[in-house]
């Protein structure tokens, strides 16, 4: 069959879509396989970042609100925010665009992606719970999945533990326990804190600024010396020229 029949054949197939539901408050995810067109029709023609009520999934989902965060089609092509279509298109990607990593300087590449509008040809739809309902969802809201890694940046550590500028951030780094080895002491691992302002960092900053100031003063001093030397050379050149003119004038008058 030709390409013009492929879209019609996909429409004839039974619609089966997986809903990947995430709840950031507990760090858990739940995968639902839905084959009811009536339930899935709630998400059709909605775009990424739009909120959808979850009442159609069942009584236990009453009061929940989902936000669409993305999805993949049947061939694995992911949805892209800002592409206002429900079909697959080929875009020219360059450095800085999502879903593309530049391999060579100045390189651009044309890739296939799916638009940000939901339709029946999606295989997986990613959803995030933004509003919790009345009932608990087993495996999603009743359990908490601890974070494996803690924050690394100074500002995020302060925000997590509600610290002030005077508190020592190094005392609040999340240490991750390492697997124990036979006959050895238990060890932990902690990230290197980024953007941490220490006395050594301030000293290096003062040194860099002092060196920059010294270079600026040195350049100004050398420029002044060069301008003075240049003026002296030009003065000597003018005097030599005047003396040659005077000598030539004397010689011409004496010969006359």
C-alpha atoms as a PDB file:
ATOM      1  CA  UNK A   1       0.000   0.000   0.000  1.00  0.00           C
ATOM      2  CA  UNK A   2       1.091   3.569  -0.623  1.00  0.00           C
ATOM      3  CA  UNK A   3       1.740   6.270   1.940  1.00  0.00           C
ATOM      4  CA  UNK A   4      -1.670   7.807   1.322  1.00  0.00           C
ATOM      5  CA  UNK A   5      -3.342   4.709   2.853  1.00  0.00           C
ATOM      6  CA  UNK A   6      -1.247   4.553   6.037  1.00  0.00           C
ATOM      7  CA  UNK A   7      -3.139   7.302   7.850  1.00  0.00           C
ATOM      8  CA  UNK A   8      -6.506   5.686   7.024  1.00  0.00           C
ATOM      9  CA  UNK A   9      -5.314   2.295   8.282  1.00  0.00           C
ATOM     10  CA  UNK A  10      -4.170   3.810  11.594  1.00  0.00           C
ATOM     11  CA  UNK A  11      -7.628   5.317  12.063  1.00  0.00           C
ATOM     12  CA  UNK A  12      -9.224   1.861  11.587  1.00  0.00           C
ATOM     13  CA  UNK A  13      -7.069   0.254  14.291  1.00  0.00           C
ATOM     14  CA  UNK A  14      -8.445   0.144  17.872  1.00  0.00           C
ATOM     15  CA  UNK A  15      -7.206   3.073  19.938  1.00  0.00           C
ATOM     16  CA  UNK A  16      -4.965   2.017  22.846  1.00  0.00           C
ATOM     17  CA  UNK A  17      -3.127   4.774  24.671  1.00  0.00           C
ATOM     18  CA  UNK A  18      -0.932   4.637  27.773  1.00  0.00           C
ATOM     19  CA  UNK A  19      -1.300   7.423  30.321  1.00  0.00           C
ATOM     20  CA  UNK A  20       1.925   8.022  32.256  1.00  0.00           C
ATOM     21  CA  UNK A  21       0.718   9.900  35.353  1.00  0.00           C
ATOM     22  CA  UNK A  22       3.267  11.527  37.677  1.00  0.00           C
ATOM     23  CA  UNK A  23       2.769  13.097  41.091  1.00  0.00           C
ATOM     24  CA  UNK A  24       5.787  15.316  41.941  1.00  0.00           C
ATOM     25  CA  UNK A  25       4.828  15.622  45.626  1.00  0.00           C
ATOM     26  CA  UNK A  26       5.562  11.925  46.258  1.00  0.00           C
ATOM     27  CA  UNK A  27       7.932  11.250  43.350  1.00  0.00           C
ATOM     28  CA  UNK A  28       5.791   8.334  42.126  1.00  0.00           C
ATOM     29  CA  UNK A  29       4.444   7.446  38.683  1.00  0.00           C
ATOM     30  CA  UNK A  30       1.608   5.250  37.484  1.00  0.00           C
ATOM     31  CA  UNK A  31       0.993   3.824  34.016  1.00  0.00           C
ATOM     32  CA  UNK A  32      -2.574   3.254  32.845  1.00  0.00           C
ATOM     33  CA  UNK A  33      -3.507   1.512  29.604  1.00  0.00           C
ATOM     34  CA  UNK A  34      -6.752   2.966  28.230  1.00  0.00           C
ATOM     35  CA  UNK A  35      -8.640   1.517  25.251  1.00  0.00           C
ATOM     36  CA  UNK A  36     -11.933   3.392  25.720  1.00  0.00           C
ATOM     37  CA  UNK A  37     -12.364   6.099  23.091  1.00  0.00           C
ATOM     38  CA  UNK A  38     -14.866   7.945  25.287  1.00  0.00           C
ATOM     39  CA  UNK A  39     -12.319   8.355  28.107  1.00  0.00           C
ATOM     40  CA  UNK A  40      -9.526   9.389  25.771  1.00  0.00           C
ATOM     41  CA  UNK A  41     -11.690  11.937  23.952  1.00  0.00           C
ATOM     42  CA  UNK A  42     -11.285  14.262  26.964  1.00  0.00           C
ATOM     43  CA  UNK A  43      -7.614  14.755  26.040  1.00  0.00           C
ATOM     44  CA  UNK A  44      -8.122  15.156  22.269  1.00  0.00           C
ATOM     45  CA  UNK A  45      -7.399  18.587  20.740  1.00  0.00           C
ATOM     46  CA  UNK A  46      -5.701  19.702  23.959  1.00  0.00           C
ATOM     47  CA  UNK A  47      -2.191  21.146  23.866  1.00  0.00           C
ATOM     48  CA  UNK A  48       0.899  20.673  26.002  1.00  0.00           C
ATOM     49  CA  UNK A  49       0.671  22.604  29.331  1.00  0.00           C
ATOM     50  CA  UNK A  50      -3.149  22.632  29.264  1.00  0.00           C
ATOM     51  CA  UNK A  51      -5.017  21.335  32.339  1.00  0.00           C
ATOM     52  CA  UNK A  52      -7.622  18.597  32.007  1.00  0.00           C
ATOM     53  CA  UNK A  53     -10.007  17.264  34.724  1.00  0.00           C
ATOM     54  CA  UNK A  54      -9.506  13.556  35.472  1.00  0.00           C
ATOM     55  CA  UNK A  55     -13.089  12.720  36.447  1.00  0.00           C
ATOM     56  CA  UNK A  56     -13.585  10.605  33.318  1.00  0.00           C
ATOM     57  CA  UNK A  57     -11.027   7.989  34.417  1.00  0.00           C
ATOM     58  CA  UNK A  58     -13.233   6.753  37.260  1.00  0.00           C
ATOM     59  CA  UNK A  59     -14.736   7.612  40.618  1.00  0.00           C
ATOM     60  CA  UNK A  60     -11.377   7.356  42.412  1.00  0.00           C
ATOM     61  CA  UNK A  61     -10.019  10.161  40.197  1.00  0.00           C
ATOM     62  CA  UNK A  62     -12.775  12.595  41.122  1.00  0.00           C
ATOM     63  CA  UNK A  63     -11.361  16.053  41.876  1.00  0.00           C
ATOM     64  CA  UNK A  64      -7.958  15.383  40.292  1.00  0.00           C
ATOM     65  CA  UNK A  65      -6.634  17.739  37.611  1.00  0.00           C
ATOM     66  CA  UNK A  66      -3.944  16.764  35.103  1.00  0.00           C
ATOM     67  CA  UNK A  67      -1.527  18.926  33.154  1.00  0.00           C
ATOM     68  CA  UNK A  68      -0.317  17.582  29.802  1.00  0.00           C
ATOM     69  CA  UNK A  69       3.482  17.538  29.745  1.00  0.00           C
ATOM     70  CA  UNK A  70       4.225  15.621  26.528  1.00  0.00           C
ATOM     71  CA  UNK A  71       3.895  12.318  24.764  1.00  0.00           C
ATOM     72  CA  UNK A  72       5.108   9.966  22.031  1.00  0.00           C
ATOM     73  CA  UNK A  73       3.369   8.695  18.923  1.00  0.00           C
ATOM     74  CA  UNK A  74       3.184   5.088  17.716  1.00  0.00           C
ATOM     75  CA  UNK A  75       6.597   5.334  16.012  1.00  0.00           C
ATOM     76  CA  UNK A  76       8.329   6.913  19.022  1.00  0.00           C
ATOM     77  CA  UNK A  77       8.492  10.550  17.865  1.00  0.00           C
ATOM     78  CA  UNK A  78       7.975  12.913  20.801  1.00  0.00           C
ATOM     79  CA  UNK A  79       5.708  15.935  21.004  1.00  0.00           C
ATOM     80  CA  UNK A  80       7.250  19.406  20.874  1.00  0.00           C
ATOM     81  CA  UNK A  81       5.835  22.504  22.523  1.00  0.00           C
ATOM     82  CA  UNK A  82       5.086  25.385  20.150  1.00  0.00           C
ATOM     83  CA  UNK A  83       4.406  23.267  17.023  1.00  0.00           C
ATOM     84  CA  UNK A  84       0.674  23.873  16.609  1.00  0.00           C
ATOM     85  CA  UNK A  85      -0.390  20.715  14.794  1.00  0.00           C
ATOM     86  CA  UNK A  86      -1.489  17.180  15.659  1.00  0.00           C
ATOM     87  CA  UNK A  87       0.617  15.615  12.913  1.00  0.00           C
ATOM     88  CA  UNK A  88       4.265  14.823  12.374  1.00  0.00           C
ATOM     89  CA  UNK A  89       6.425  17.501  10.747  1.00  0.00           C
ATOM     90  CA  UNK A  90      10.092  17.855   9.829  1.00  0.00           C
ATOM     91  CA  UNK A  91      11.831  20.882  11.344  1.00  0.00           C
ATOM     92  CA  UNK A  92      15.330  22.265  10.847  1.00  0.00           C
ATOM     93  CA  UNK A  93      17.009  22.164  14.256  1.00  0.00           C
ATOM     94  CA  UNK A  94      19.972  24.269  15.328  1.00  0.00           C
ATOM     95  CA  UNK A  95      21.958  24.772  18.513  1.00  0.00           C
ATOM     96  CA  UNK A  96      19.819  25.629  21.529  1.00  0.00           C
ATOM     97  CA  UNK A  97      16.586  24.021  20.324  1.00  0.00           C
ATOM     98  CA  UNK A  98      15.048  21.279  22.512  1.00  0.00           C
ATOM     99  CA  UNK A  99      15.580  17.685  21.438  1.00  0.00           C
ATOM    100  CA  UNK A 100      18.761  18.392  19.462  1.00  0.00           C
ATOM    101  CA  UNK A 101      22.442  18.245  20.391  1.00  0.00           C
ATOM    102  CA  UNK A 102      24.870  19.962  18.074  1.00  0.00           C
ATOM    103  CA  UNK A 103      27.776  17.701  17.048  1.00  0.00           C
ATOM    104  CA  UNK A 104      29.776  20.197  14.987  1.00  0.00           C
ATOM    105  CA  UNK A 105      30.004  23.974  15.085  1.00  0.00           C
ATOM    106  CA  UNK A 106      27.329  25.604  12.942  1.00  0.00           C
ATOM    107  CA  UNK A 107      25.636  22.295  12.213  1.00  0.00           C
ATOM    108  CA  UNK A 108      21.887  22.132  11.558  1.00  0.00           C
ATOM    109  CA  UNK A 109      19.777  19.030  11.130  1.00  0.00           C
ATOM    110  CA  UNK A 110      16.252  18.308   9.918  1.00  0.00           C
ATOM    111  CA  UNK A 111      14.358  15.993  12.269  1.00  0.00           C
ATOM    112  CA  UNK A 112      10.847  14.605  12.520  1.00  0.00           C
ATOM    113  CA  UNK A 113       8.780  15.586  15.555  1.00  0.00           C
ATOM    114  CA  UNK A 114       5.085  15.546  16.464  1.00  0.00           C
ATOM    115  CA  UNK A 115       3.111  18.702  17.182  1.00  0.00           C
ATOM    116  CA  UNK A 116       1.896  19.725  20.632  1.00  0.00           C
ATOM    117  CA  UNK A 117      -1.796  18.890  20.024  1.00  0.00           C
ATOM    118  CA  UNK A 118      -3.105  15.543  21.319  1.00  0.00           C
ATOM    119  CA  UNK A 119      -4.907  13.151  18.987  1.00  0.00           C
ATOM    120  CA  UNK A 120      -5.674   9.412  18.734  1.00  0.00           C
ATOM    121  CA  UNK A 121      -2.352   8.509  17.079  1.00  0.00           C
ATOM    122  CA  UNK A 122      -0.342   8.874  20.277  1.00  0.00           C
ATOM    123  CA  UNK A 123       1.077   5.832  22.023  1.00  0.00           C
ATOM    124  CA  UNK A 124       1.969   7.427  25.379  1.00  0.00           C
ATOM    125  CA  UNK A 125       0.605  10.625  26.927  1.00  0.00           C
ATOM    126  CA  UNK A 126       2.539  12.156  29.839  1.00  0.00           C
ATOM    127  CA  UNK A 127       0.405  13.761  32.562  1.00  0.00           C
ATOM    128  CA  UNK A 128       1.284  15.554  35.823  1.00  0.00           C
ATOM    129  CA  UNK A 129      -1.115  15.923  38.733  1.00  0.00           C
ATOM    130  CA  UNK A 130      -1.498  19.615  39.593  1.00  0.00           C
ATOM    131  CA  UNK A 131      -4.522  19.259  41.890  1.00  0.00           C
ATOM    132  CA  UNK A 132      -5.211  16.355  44.205  1.00  0.00           C
ATOM    133  CA  UNK A 133      -8.664  14.874  44.664  1.00  0.00           C
ATOM    134  CA  UNK A 134     -10.438  13.417  47.653  1.00  0.00           C
ATOM    135  CA  UNK A 135      -9.418   9.738  47.399  1.00  0.00           C
ATOM    136  CA  UNK A 136      -5.980   8.135  47.499  1.00  0.00           C
ATOM    137  CA  UNK A 137      -4.610   6.495  44.360  1.00  0.00           C
ATOM    138  CA  UNK A 138      -2.740   3.257  45.194  1.00  0.00           C
ATOM    139  CA  UNK A 139       0.909   3.416  44.179  1.00  0.00           C
ATOM    140  CA  UNK A 140       0.748   7.121  43.345  1.00  0.00           C
ATOM    141  CA  UNK A 141      -0.412   9.271  46.272  1.00  0.00           C
ATOM    142  CA  UNK A 142      -0.285   6.825  49.187  1.00  0.00           C
ATOM    143  CA  UNK A 143       3.480   6.123  49.008  1.00  0.00           C
ATOM    144  CA  UNK A 144       6.493   8.399  48.896  1.00  0.00           C
ATOM    145  CA  UNK A 145       9.524   7.707  46.775  1.00  0.00           C
ATOM    146  CA  UNK A 146      12.565   9.351  48.404  1.00  0.00           C
ATOM    147  CA  UNK A 147      14.856  11.401  46.211  1.00  0.00           C
ATOM    148  CA  UNK A 148      18.104   9.624  45.446  1.00  0.00           C
ATOM    149  CA  UNK A 149      20.107  12.845  45.088  1.00  0.00           C
ATOM    150  CA  UNK A 150      19.810  16.120  46.957  1.00  0.00           C
ATOM    151  CA  UNK A 151      20.269  19.628  45.583  1.00  0.00           C
ATOM    152  CA  UNK A 152      23.752  20.715  44.544  1.00  0.00           C
ATOM    153  CA  UNK A 153      23.498  24.476  44.050  1.00  0.00           C
ATOM    154  CA  UNK A 154      23.769  26.833  47.043  1.00  0.00           C
ATOM    155  CA  UNK A 155      20.529  28.651  46.299  1.00  0.00           C
ATOM    156  CA  UNK A 156      18.539  25.415  45.988  1.00  0.00           C
ATOM    157  CA  UNK A 157      19.974  24.022  49.245  1.00  0.00           C
ATOM    158  CA  UNK A 158      18.985  27.255  51.031  1.00  0.00           C
ATOM    159  CA  UNK A 159      15.517  27.068  49.521  1.00  0.00           C
ATOM    160  CA  UNK A 160      15.040  23.415  50.527  1.00  0.00           C
ATOM    161  CA  UNK A 161      16.047  23.897  54.169  1.00  0.00           C
ATOM    162  CA  UNK A 162      14.829  27.533  54.457  1.00  0.00           C
ATOM    163  CA  UNK A 163      18.299  28.850  55.379  1.00  0.00           C
ATOM    164  CA  UNK A 164      19.515  32.416  55.661  1.00  0.00           C
ATOM    165  CA  UNK A 165      22.701  33.964  54.322  1.00  0.00           C
ATOM    166  CA  UNK A 166      24.438  33.506  57.683  1.00  0.00           C
ATOM    167  CA  UNK A 167      23.834  29.722  57.879  1.00  0.00           C
ATOM    168  CA  UNK A 168      26.601  27.366  56.779  1.00  0.00           C
ATOM    169  CA  UNK A 169      25.281  25.548  53.711  1.00  0.00           C
ATOM    170  CA  UNK A 170      27.961  22.845  53.951  1.00  0.00           C
ATOM    171  CA  UNK A 171      26.267  21.404  57.048  1.00  0.00           C
ATOM    172  CA  UNK A 172      23.029  20.733  55.132  1.00  0.00           C
ATOM    173  CA  UNK A 173      24.302  18.805  52.100  1.00  0.00           C
ATOM    174  CA  UNK A 174      22.411  15.548  51.490  1.00  0.00           C
ATOM    175  CA  UNK A 175      24.795  12.594  51.913  1.00  0.00           C
ATOM    176  CA  UNK A 176      23.985   9.484  49.896  1.00  0.00           C
ATOM    177  CA  UNK A 177      24.978   6.180  51.577  1.00  0.00           C
ATOM    178  CA  UNK A 178      27.139   3.875  49.480  1.00  0.00           C
ATOM    179  CA  UNK A 179      26.725   0.102  49.440  1.00  0.00           C
ATOM    180  CA  UNK A 180      28.591  -1.474  52.315  1.00  0.00           C
ATOM    181  CA  UNK A 181      31.595  -3.703  51.681  1.00  0.00           C
ATOM    182  CA  UNK A 182      32.645  -6.646  53.825  1.00  0.00           C
ATOM    183  CA  UNK A 183      34.688  -5.594  56.822  1.00  0.00           C
ATOM    184  CA  UNK A 184      34.807  -1.922  55.841  1.00  0.00           C
ATOM    185  CA  UNK A 185      33.281   1.160  57.373  1.00  0.00           C
ATOM    186  CA  UNK A 186      30.053   2.527  55.914  1.00  0.00           C
ATOM    187  CA  UNK A 187      30.699   5.414  53.527  1.00  0.00           C
ATOM    188  CA  UNK A 188      28.596   8.227  52.162  1.00  0.00           C
ATOM    189  CA  UNK A 189      28.868  10.413  49.101  1.00  0.00           C
ATOM    190  CA  UNK A 190      27.982  14.113  48.830  1.00  0.00           C
ATOM    191  CA  UNK A 191      27.995  16.472  45.833  1.00  0.00           C
ATOM    192  CA  UNK A 192      30.403  19.342  45.435  1.00  0.00           C
ATOM    193  CA  UNK A 193      28.471  22.518  46.230  1.00  0.00           C
ATOM    194  CA  UNK A 194      28.223  24.857  43.265  1.00  0.00           C
ATOM    195  CA  UNK A 195      28.270  28.685  43.511  1.00  0.00           C
ATOM    196  CA  UNK A 196      29.542  28.523  47.091  1.00  0.00           C
ATOM    197  CA  UNK A 197      31.073  31.841  48.223  1.00  0.00           C
ATOM    198  CA  UNK A 198      33.993  31.088  50.569  1.00  0.00           C
ATOM    199  CA  UNK A 199      36.859  33.261  51.892  1.00  0.00           C
ATOM    200  CA  UNK A 200      39.183  31.590  49.374  1.00  0.00           C
ATOM    201  CA  UNK A 201      36.770  32.472  46.547  1.00  0.00           C
ATOM    202  CA  UNK A 202      36.627  36.109  47.719  1.00  0.00           C
ATOM    203  CA  UNK A 203      40.427  36.209  47.953  1.00  0.00           C
ATOM    204  CA  UNK A 204      40.758  34.881  44.387  1.00  0.00           C
ATOM    205  CA  UNK A 205      38.239  37.450  43.203  1.00  0.00           C
ATOM    206  CA  UNK A 206      40.183  40.271  44.892  1.00  0.00           C
ATOM    207  CA  UNK A 207      43.390  38.957  43.320  1.00  0.00           C
ATOM    208  CA  UNK A 208      41.849  38.865  39.838  1.00  0.00           C
ATOM    209  CA  UNK A 209      40.548  42.417  40.237  1.00  0.00           C
ATOM    210  CA  UNK A 210      43.939  43.607  41.553  1.00  0.00           C
ATOM    211  CA  UNK A 211      45.750  42.018  38.599  1.00  0.00           C
ATOM    212  CA  UNK A 212      43.255  43.589  36.229  1.00  0.00           C
ATOM    213  CA  UNK A 213      43.840  46.992  37.826  1.00  0.00           C
ATOM    214  CA  UNK A 214      47.627  46.533  37.628  1.00  0.00           C
ATOM    215  CA  UNK A 215      47.407  45.650  33.933  1.00  0.00           C
ATOM    216  CA  UNK A 216      45.266  48.713  33.288  1.00  0.00           C
ATOM    217  CA  UNK A 217      47.701  51.026  35.106  1.00  0.00           C
ATOM    218  CA  UNK A 218      50.678  49.432  33.338  1.00  0.00           C
ATOM    219  CA  UNK A 219      49.044  49.921  29.939  1.00  0.00           C
ATOM    220  CA  UNK A 220      48.276  53.556  30.742  1.00  0.00           C
ATOM    221  CA  UNK A 221      51.854  54.150  31.913  1.00  0.00           C
ATOM    222  CA  UNK A 222      53.337  52.505  28.824  1.00  0.00           C
ATOM    223  CA  UNK A 223      50.973  54.452  26.575  1.00  0.00           C
ATOM    224  CA  UNK A 224      52.059  57.734  28.226  1.00  0.00           C
ATOM    225  CA  UNK A 225      55.753  56.821  27.863  1.00  0.00           C
ATOM    226  CA  UNK A 226      55.239  55.874  24.223  1.00  0.00           C
ATOM    227  CA  UNK A 227      53.383  59.133  23.513  1.00  0.00           C
ATOM    228  CA  UNK A 228      56.192  61.110  25.205  1.00  0.00           C
ATOM    229  CA  UNK A 229      58.881  59.243  23.219  1.00  0.00           C
ATOM    230  CA  UNK A 230      56.929  59.718  19.989  1.00  0.00           C
ATOM    231  CA  UNK A 231      56.627  63.474  20.620  1.00  0.00           C
ATOM    232  CA  UNK A 232      60.352  63.700  21.330  1.00  0.00           C
ATOM    233  CA  UNK A 233      61.236  61.828  18.114  1.00  0.00           C
ATOM    234  CA  UNK A 234      58.927  64.063  16.087  1.00  0.00           C
ATOM    235  CA  UNK A 235      60.534  67.161  17.676  1.00  0.00           C
ATOM    236  CA  UNK A 236      64.018  65.864  16.828  1.00  0.00           C
ATOM    237  CA  UNK A 237      62.871  65.117  13.285  1.00  0.00           C
ATOM    238  CA  UNK A 238      61.517  68.656  12.840  1.00  0.00           C
ATOM    239  CA  UNK A 239      64.718  70.184  14.229  1.00  0.00           C
ATOM    240  CA  UNK A 240      66.841  68.072  11.879  1.00  0.00           C
ATOM    241  CA  UNK A 241      64.695  69.154   8.942  1.00  0.00           C
ATOM    242  CA  UNK A 242      64.984  72.845   9.914  1.00  0.00           C
ATOM    243  CA  UNK A 243      68.761  72.576  10.312  1.00  0.00           C
ATOM    244  CA  UNK A 244      69.085  71.000   6.827  1.00  0.00           C
ATOM    245  CA  UNK A 245      66.971  73.764   5.310  1.00  0.00           C
ATOM    246  CA  UNK A 246      69.085  76.462   7.011  1.00  0.00           C
ATOM    247  CA  UNK A 247      72.336  74.877   5.889  1.00  0.00           C
ATOM    248  CA  UNK A 248      71.106  74.600   2.302  1.00  0.00           C
ATOM    249  CA  UNK A 249      69.937  78.231   2.383  1.00  0.00           C
ATOM    250  CA  UNK A 250      73.353  79.435   3.656  1.00  0.00           C
ATOM    251  CA  UNK A 251      75.173  77.478   0.968  1.00  0.00           C
ATOM    252  CA  UNK A 252      72.963  78.928  -1.771  1.00  0.00           C
ATOM    253  CA  UNK A 253      73.484  82.532  -0.572  1.00  0.00           C
ATOM    254  CA  UNK A 254      77.286  82.115  -0.253  1.00  0.00           C
ATOM    255  CA  UNK A 255      77.592  80.715  -3.771  1.00  0.00           C
ATOM    256  CA  UNK A 256      75.611  83.661  -5.138  1.00  0.00           C
END
